[in-house]
């Protein structure tokens, strides 16, 4: 139960397109009380925090939004990892995995060293494997490390089916399952 003294704090690592889409959703849904943005490019994180703060005037949220550093993870409820490198044309998922594993090595250590004791949410590709790597690098119980998996693929599928059948996508009950990427599939029956 959340009381008046509870502070729902989310730290978002990686202020690229995925990270900022997540941040805007948090703001629009008033999902937390405090949002801290961390990025290797500290000026970008400051600018994105400023943009989000300017949007508060049009929101029902009273969220405190700022750029920060890994020490801010200490009392966070959730650390969302959207940081990583993009897959290059012709690059295999294994090569992407190796490059993003190195990125995660530079992130997970400082997060856990801060005293973070919350939940990791991973959105970096290849997301299922990166979620497992987060679990291994952090030493956290697997129940405290969550990947976004095929959630986006499921949303796309429901939207497309809704368009095809002229039905609100919120009323479409279909799912993409498996590992996000080449092995995912839709169980049609």
C-alpha atoms as a PDB file:
ATOM      1  CA  UNK A   1       0.000   0.000   0.000  1.00  0.00           C
ATOM      2  CA  UNK A   2       1.392   3.405  -0.950  1.00  0.00           C
ATOM      3  CA  UNK A   3       1.226   6.033   1.757  1.00  0.00           C
ATOM      4  CA  UNK A   4       1.569   9.804   1.548  1.00  0.00           C
ATOM      5  CA  UNK A   5       5.257   9.500   2.497  1.00  0.00           C
ATOM      6  CA  UNK A   6       6.143   6.917  -0.137  1.00  0.00           C
ATOM      7  CA  UNK A   7       8.165   8.182  -3.075  1.00  0.00           C
ATOM      8  CA  UNK A   8       7.841   6.100  -6.221  1.00  0.00           C
ATOM      9  CA  UNK A   9      11.248   6.591  -7.845  1.00  0.00           C
ATOM     10  CA  UNK A  10      12.323   5.421 -11.291  1.00  0.00           C
ATOM     11  CA  UNK A  11      15.827   5.806 -12.701  1.00  0.00           C
ATOM     12  CA  UNK A  12      16.048   5.617 -16.477  1.00  0.00           C
ATOM     13  CA  UNK A  13      19.430   4.791 -18.030  1.00  0.00           C
ATOM     14  CA  UNK A  14      19.702   5.728 -21.698  1.00  0.00           C
ATOM     15  CA  UNK A  15      17.920   8.793 -23.077  1.00  0.00           C
ATOM     16  CA  UNK A  16      17.650   7.699 -26.699  1.00  0.00           C
ATOM     17  CA  UNK A  17      14.384   7.137 -28.544  1.00  0.00           C
ATOM     18  CA  UNK A  18      13.302   4.113 -26.492  1.00  0.00           C
ATOM     19  CA  UNK A  19      14.265   5.674 -23.184  1.00  0.00           C
ATOM     20  CA  UNK A  20      12.518   8.945 -23.859  1.00  0.00           C
ATOM     21  CA  UNK A  21       9.383   7.206 -25.140  1.00  0.00           C
ATOM     22  CA  UNK A  22       9.300   5.391 -21.822  1.00  0.00           C
ATOM     23  CA  UNK A  23       9.888   8.654 -19.918  1.00  0.00           C
ATOM     24  CA  UNK A  24       7.035  10.403 -21.731  1.00  0.00           C
ATOM     25  CA  UNK A  25       4.730   7.478 -20.959  1.00  0.00           C
ATOM     26  CA  UNK A  26       5.684   7.713 -17.274  1.00  0.00           C
ATOM     27  CA  UNK A  27       4.916  11.434 -17.301  1.00  0.00           C
ATOM     28  CA  UNK A  28       1.600  11.073 -19.137  1.00  0.00           C
ATOM     29  CA  UNK A  29       0.439   8.246 -16.896  1.00  0.00           C
ATOM     30  CA  UNK A  30       1.686   9.889 -13.682  1.00  0.00           C
ATOM     31  CA  UNK A  31       3.404   6.579 -12.935  1.00  0.00           C
ATOM     32  CA  UNK A  32       6.000   7.784 -10.444  1.00  0.00           C
ATOM     33  CA  UNK A  33       6.853  10.672  -8.140  1.00  0.00           C
ATOM     34  CA  UNK A  34      10.482  11.054  -9.140  1.00  0.00           C
ATOM     35  CA  UNK A  35      12.235  10.329 -12.439  1.00  0.00           C
ATOM     36  CA  UNK A  36      16.008  10.497 -12.787  1.00  0.00           C
ATOM     37  CA  UNK A  37      17.615  10.354 -16.239  1.00  0.00           C
ATOM     38  CA  UNK A  38      21.127   8.993 -16.694  1.00  0.00           C
ATOM     39  CA  UNK A  39      23.032   8.988 -19.938  1.00  0.00           C
ATOM     40  CA  UNK A  40      26.673   8.811 -20.977  1.00  0.00           C
ATOM     41  CA  UNK A  41      25.954  12.168 -22.634  1.00  0.00           C
ATOM     42  CA  UNK A  42      25.170  14.151 -19.477  1.00  0.00           C
ATOM     43  CA  UNK A  43      24.094  17.253 -21.443  1.00  0.00           C
ATOM     44  CA  UNK A  44      21.552  15.191 -23.347  1.00  0.00           C
ATOM     45  CA  UNK A  45      20.140  13.850 -20.072  1.00  0.00           C
ATOM     46  CA  UNK A  46      19.879  17.415 -18.702  1.00  0.00           C
ATOM     47  CA  UNK A  47      18.154  18.630 -21.882  1.00  0.00           C
ATOM     48  CA  UNK A  48      15.686  15.735 -21.900  1.00  0.00           C
ATOM     49  CA  UNK A  49      14.897  16.333 -18.212  1.00  0.00           C
ATOM     50  CA  UNK A  50      14.292  20.000 -19.010  1.00  0.00           C
ATOM     51  CA  UNK A  51      11.928  19.102 -21.869  1.00  0.00           C
ATOM     52  CA  UNK A  52       9.968  16.714 -19.638  1.00  0.00           C
ATOM     53  CA  UNK A  53       9.743  19.347 -16.899  1.00  0.00           C
ATOM     54  CA  UNK A  54       8.330  21.830 -19.407  1.00  0.00           C
ATOM     55  CA  UNK A  55       5.603  19.309 -20.212  1.00  0.00           C
ATOM     56  CA  UNK A  56       4.501  19.179 -16.564  1.00  0.00           C
ATOM     57  CA  UNK A  57       2.421  22.308 -17.141  1.00  0.00           C
ATOM     58  CA  UNK A  58       0.107  20.223 -19.346  1.00  0.00           C
ATOM     59  CA  UNK A  59       0.060  17.155 -17.128  1.00  0.00           C
ATOM     60  CA  UNK A  60      -1.762  16.054 -14.011  1.00  0.00           C
ATOM     61  CA  UNK A  61       1.601  14.861 -12.705  1.00  0.00           C
ATOM     62  CA  UNK A  62       3.609  16.455  -9.919  1.00  0.00           C
ATOM     63  CA  UNK A  63       6.648  14.379 -10.862  1.00  0.00           C
ATOM     64  CA  UNK A  64      10.127  15.613  -9.954  1.00  0.00           C
ATOM     65  CA  UNK A  65      12.319  15.098 -13.030  1.00  0.00           C
ATOM     66  CA  UNK A  66      16.069  15.609 -13.229  1.00  0.00           C
ATOM     67  CA  UNK A  67      19.293  14.322 -14.698  1.00  0.00           C
ATOM     68  CA  UNK A  68      21.446  12.370 -12.286  1.00  0.00           C
ATOM     69  CA  UNK A  69      24.106   9.723 -11.864  1.00  0.00           C
ATOM     70  CA  UNK A  70      24.389   6.152 -10.629  1.00  0.00           C
ATOM     71  CA  UNK A  71      24.303   7.187  -6.954  1.00  0.00           C
ATOM     72  CA  UNK A  72      20.641   8.106  -7.571  1.00  0.00           C
ATOM     73  CA  UNK A  73      19.851   4.405  -7.992  1.00  0.00           C
ATOM     74  CA  UNK A  74      20.367   3.741  -4.267  1.00  0.00           C
ATOM     75  CA  UNK A  75      16.753   4.359  -3.266  1.00  0.00           C
ATOM     76  CA  UNK A  76      15.039   3.757  -6.613  1.00  0.00           C
ATOM     77  CA  UNK A  77      12.164   1.320  -6.913  1.00  0.00           C
ATOM     78  CA  UNK A  78      12.907   0.567 -10.571  1.00  0.00           C
ATOM     79  CA  UNK A  79      15.972   1.031 -12.750  1.00  0.00           C
ATOM     80  CA  UNK A  80      15.037   0.928 -16.425  1.00  0.00           C
ATOM     81  CA  UNK A  81      17.864   0.161 -18.835  1.00  0.00           C
ATOM     82  CA  UNK A  82      17.341   1.475 -22.362  1.00  0.00           C
ATOM     83  CA  UNK A  83      21.030   2.135 -23.017  1.00  0.00           C
ATOM     84  CA  UNK A  84      22.868   0.223 -25.696  1.00  0.00           C
ATOM     85  CA  UNK A  85      24.196   0.335 -29.180  1.00  0.00           C
ATOM     86  CA  UNK A  86      22.010  -0.017 -32.244  1.00  0.00           C
ATOM     87  CA  UNK A  87      22.324  -3.000 -34.541  1.00  0.00           C
ATOM     88  CA  UNK A  88      24.339  -2.085 -37.619  1.00  0.00           C
ATOM     89  CA  UNK A  89      23.166  -3.158 -41.088  1.00  0.00           C
ATOM     90  CA  UNK A  90      24.390  -6.706 -41.647  1.00  0.00           C
ATOM     91  CA  UNK A  91      25.463  -7.100 -38.018  1.00  0.00           C
ATOM     92  CA  UNK A  92      24.477 -10.380 -36.422  1.00  0.00           C
ATOM     93  CA  UNK A  93      22.491 -10.459 -33.183  1.00  0.00           C
ATOM     94  CA  UNK A  94      25.489 -12.212 -31.621  1.00  0.00           C
ATOM     95  CA  UNK A  95      27.748  -9.262 -32.492  1.00  0.00           C
ATOM     96  CA  UNK A  96      25.126  -6.875 -31.104  1.00  0.00           C
ATOM     97  CA  UNK A  97      24.946  -9.019 -27.981  1.00  0.00           C
ATOM     98  CA  UNK A  98      28.695  -8.775 -27.454  1.00  0.00           C
ATOM     99  CA  UNK A  99      28.723  -4.998 -27.857  1.00  0.00           C
ATOM    100  CA  UNK A 100      25.710  -4.450 -25.589  1.00  0.00           C
ATOM    101  CA  UNK A 101      27.140  -6.805 -22.965  1.00  0.00           C
ATOM    102  CA  UNK A 102      30.103  -4.451 -22.688  1.00  0.00           C
ATOM    103  CA  UNK A 103      27.724  -1.498 -22.305  1.00  0.00           C
ATOM    104  CA  UNK A 104      25.873  -3.365 -19.534  1.00  0.00           C
ATOM    105  CA  UNK A 105      29.124  -4.176 -17.737  1.00  0.00           C
ATOM    106  CA  UNK A 106      29.677  -0.419 -17.455  1.00  0.00           C
ATOM    107  CA  UNK A 107      26.131   0.104 -16.104  1.00  0.00           C
ATOM    108  CA  UNK A 108      25.203  -2.800 -13.821  1.00  0.00           C
ATOM    109  CA  UNK A 109      28.254  -2.501 -11.556  1.00  0.00           C
ATOM    110  CA  UNK A 110      27.720   1.169 -10.640  1.00  0.00           C
ATOM    111  CA  UNK A 111      23.973   0.600 -10.192  1.00  0.00           C
ATOM    112  CA  UNK A 112      24.429  -2.277  -7.745  1.00  0.00           C
ATOM    113  CA  UNK A 113      27.332  -0.542  -5.993  1.00  0.00           C
ATOM    114  CA  UNK A 114      24.962   2.357  -5.240  1.00  0.00           C
ATOM    115  CA  UNK A 115      22.994   0.034  -2.958  1.00  0.00           C
ATOM    116  CA  UNK A 116      20.114  -0.376  -5.418  1.00  0.00           C
ATOM    117  CA  UNK A 117      17.698  -2.998  -4.141  1.00  0.00           C
ATOM    118  CA  UNK A 118      14.731  -2.617  -6.487  1.00  0.00           C
ATOM    119  CA  UNK A 119      13.691  -4.098  -9.810  1.00  0.00           C
ATOM    120  CA  UNK A 120      15.580  -3.925 -13.097  1.00  0.00           C
ATOM    121  CA  UNK A 121      13.485  -3.430 -16.246  1.00  0.00           C
ATOM    122  CA  UNK A 122      15.467  -4.115 -19.431  1.00  0.00           C
ATOM    123  CA  UNK A 123      14.520  -2.788 -22.885  1.00  0.00           C
ATOM    124  CA  UNK A 124      17.863  -3.114 -24.714  1.00  0.00           C
ATOM    125  CA  UNK A 125      18.224  -5.587 -27.593  1.00  0.00           C
ATOM    126  CA  UNK A 126      18.610  -8.478 -27.800  1.00  0.00           C
ATOM    127  CA  UNK A 127      16.261  -7.951 -24.864  1.00  0.00           C
ATOM    128  CA  UNK A 128      15.753 -11.506 -23.622  1.00  0.00           C
ATOM    129  CA  UNK A 129      19.461 -12.268 -23.500  1.00  0.00           C
ATOM    130  CA  UNK A 130      20.286  -8.813 -22.105  1.00  0.00           C
ATOM    131  CA  UNK A 131      17.776  -9.469 -19.330  1.00  0.00           C
ATOM    132  CA  UNK A 132      19.601 -12.697 -18.471  1.00  0.00           C
ATOM    133  CA  UNK A 133      22.941 -10.857 -18.586  1.00  0.00           C
ATOM    134  CA  UNK A 134      21.548  -8.191 -16.227  1.00  0.00           C
ATOM    135  CA  UNK A 135      20.530 -10.945 -13.840  1.00  0.00           C
ATOM    136  CA  UNK A 136      23.996 -12.552 -13.991  1.00  0.00           C
ATOM    137  CA  UNK A 137      25.961  -9.294 -13.684  1.00  0.00           C
ATOM    138  CA  UNK A 138      23.816  -7.968 -10.836  1.00  0.00           C
ATOM    139  CA  UNK A 139      23.477 -11.201  -8.878  1.00  0.00           C
ATOM    140  CA  UNK A 140      19.800 -10.296  -8.374  1.00  0.00           C
ATOM    141  CA  UNK A 141      17.093 -12.885  -7.964  1.00  0.00           C
ATOM    142  CA  UNK A 142      15.586 -13.473 -11.450  1.00  0.00           C
ATOM    143  CA  UNK A 143      12.196 -12.298 -10.121  1.00  0.00           C
ATOM    144  CA  UNK A 144      13.718  -8.805  -9.790  1.00  0.00           C
ATOM    145  CA  UNK A 145      14.995  -8.572 -13.372  1.00  0.00           C
ATOM    146  CA  UNK A 146      12.311  -8.124 -16.026  1.00  0.00           C
ATOM    147  CA  UNK A 147      12.673  -7.785 -19.783  1.00  0.00           C
ATOM    148  CA  UNK A 148      10.155  -6.144 -22.068  1.00  0.00           C
ATOM    149  CA  UNK A 149      10.282  -9.237 -24.275  1.00  0.00           C
ATOM    150  CA  UNK A 150       7.619  -9.284 -26.958  1.00  0.00           C
ATOM    151  CA  UNK A 151       5.401  -6.572 -25.418  1.00  0.00           C
ATOM    152  CA  UNK A 152       6.054  -4.134 -28.285  1.00  0.00           C
ATOM    153  CA  UNK A 153       5.539  -6.857 -30.891  1.00  0.00           C
ATOM    154  CA  UNK A 154       2.254  -7.793 -29.215  1.00  0.00           C
ATOM    155  CA  UNK A 155       1.134  -4.142 -29.252  1.00  0.00           C
ATOM    156  CA  UNK A 156       1.934  -3.906 -32.969  1.00  0.00           C
ATOM    157  CA  UNK A 157       0.079  -7.137 -33.697  1.00  0.00           C
ATOM    158  CA  UNK A 158      -3.010  -6.010 -31.775  1.00  0.00           C
ATOM    159  CA  UNK A 159      -2.972  -2.653 -33.578  1.00  0.00           C
ATOM    160  CA  UNK A 160      -2.691  -4.266 -37.021  1.00  0.00           C
ATOM    161  CA  UNK A 161      -5.429  -6.791 -36.256  1.00  0.00           C
ATOM    162  CA  UNK A 162      -7.618  -3.989 -34.933  1.00  0.00           C
ATOM    163  CA  UNK A 163      -7.087  -2.028 -38.131  1.00  0.00           C
ATOM    164  CA  UNK A 164      -7.856  -5.073 -40.273  1.00  0.00           C
ATOM    165  CA  UNK A 165     -11.036  -5.992 -38.366  1.00  0.00           C
ATOM    166  CA  UNK A 166     -12.058  -2.386 -37.516  1.00  0.00           C
ATOM    167  CA  UNK A 167     -11.879  -3.180 -33.809  1.00  0.00           C
ATOM    168  CA  UNK A 168     -10.282  -1.124 -31.042  1.00  0.00           C
ATOM    169  CA  UNK A 169      -6.829  -2.712 -30.453  1.00  0.00           C
ATOM    170  CA  UNK A 170      -7.577  -2.759 -26.710  1.00  0.00           C
ATOM    171  CA  UNK A 171     -10.256  -5.337 -27.527  1.00  0.00           C
ATOM    172  CA  UNK A 172      -7.919  -7.556 -29.548  1.00  0.00           C
ATOM    173  CA  UNK A 173      -6.583 -10.471 -27.541  1.00  0.00           C
ATOM    174  CA  UNK A 174      -3.597 -11.773 -29.447  1.00  0.00           C
ATOM    175  CA  UNK A 175       0.025 -12.212 -28.421  1.00  0.00           C
ATOM    176  CA  UNK A 176       3.472 -12.581 -29.882  1.00  0.00           C
ATOM    177  CA  UNK A 177       5.444 -15.101 -27.832  1.00  0.00           C
ATOM    178  CA  UNK A 178       8.924 -16.576 -27.785  1.00  0.00           C
ATOM    179  CA  UNK A 179      12.182 -14.668 -27.780  1.00  0.00           C
ATOM    180  CA  UNK A 180      11.967 -11.110 -29.120  1.00  0.00           C
ATOM    181  CA  UNK A 181      13.548 -11.265 -32.571  1.00  0.00           C
ATOM    182  CA  UNK A 182      13.969 -14.008 -35.126  1.00  0.00           C
ATOM    183  CA  UNK A 183      12.374 -16.800 -33.090  1.00  0.00           C
ATOM    184  CA  UNK A 184       9.195 -15.000 -31.943  1.00  0.00           C
ATOM    185  CA  UNK A 185       5.857 -16.196 -33.295  1.00  0.00           C
ATOM    186  CA  UNK A 186       2.099 -15.722 -33.099  1.00  0.00           C
ATOM    187  CA  UNK A 187       0.140 -18.745 -31.828  1.00  0.00           C
ATOM    188  CA  UNK A 188      -2.883 -18.414 -34.105  1.00  0.00           C
ATOM    189  CA  UNK A 189      -4.861 -21.221 -32.468  1.00  0.00           C
END
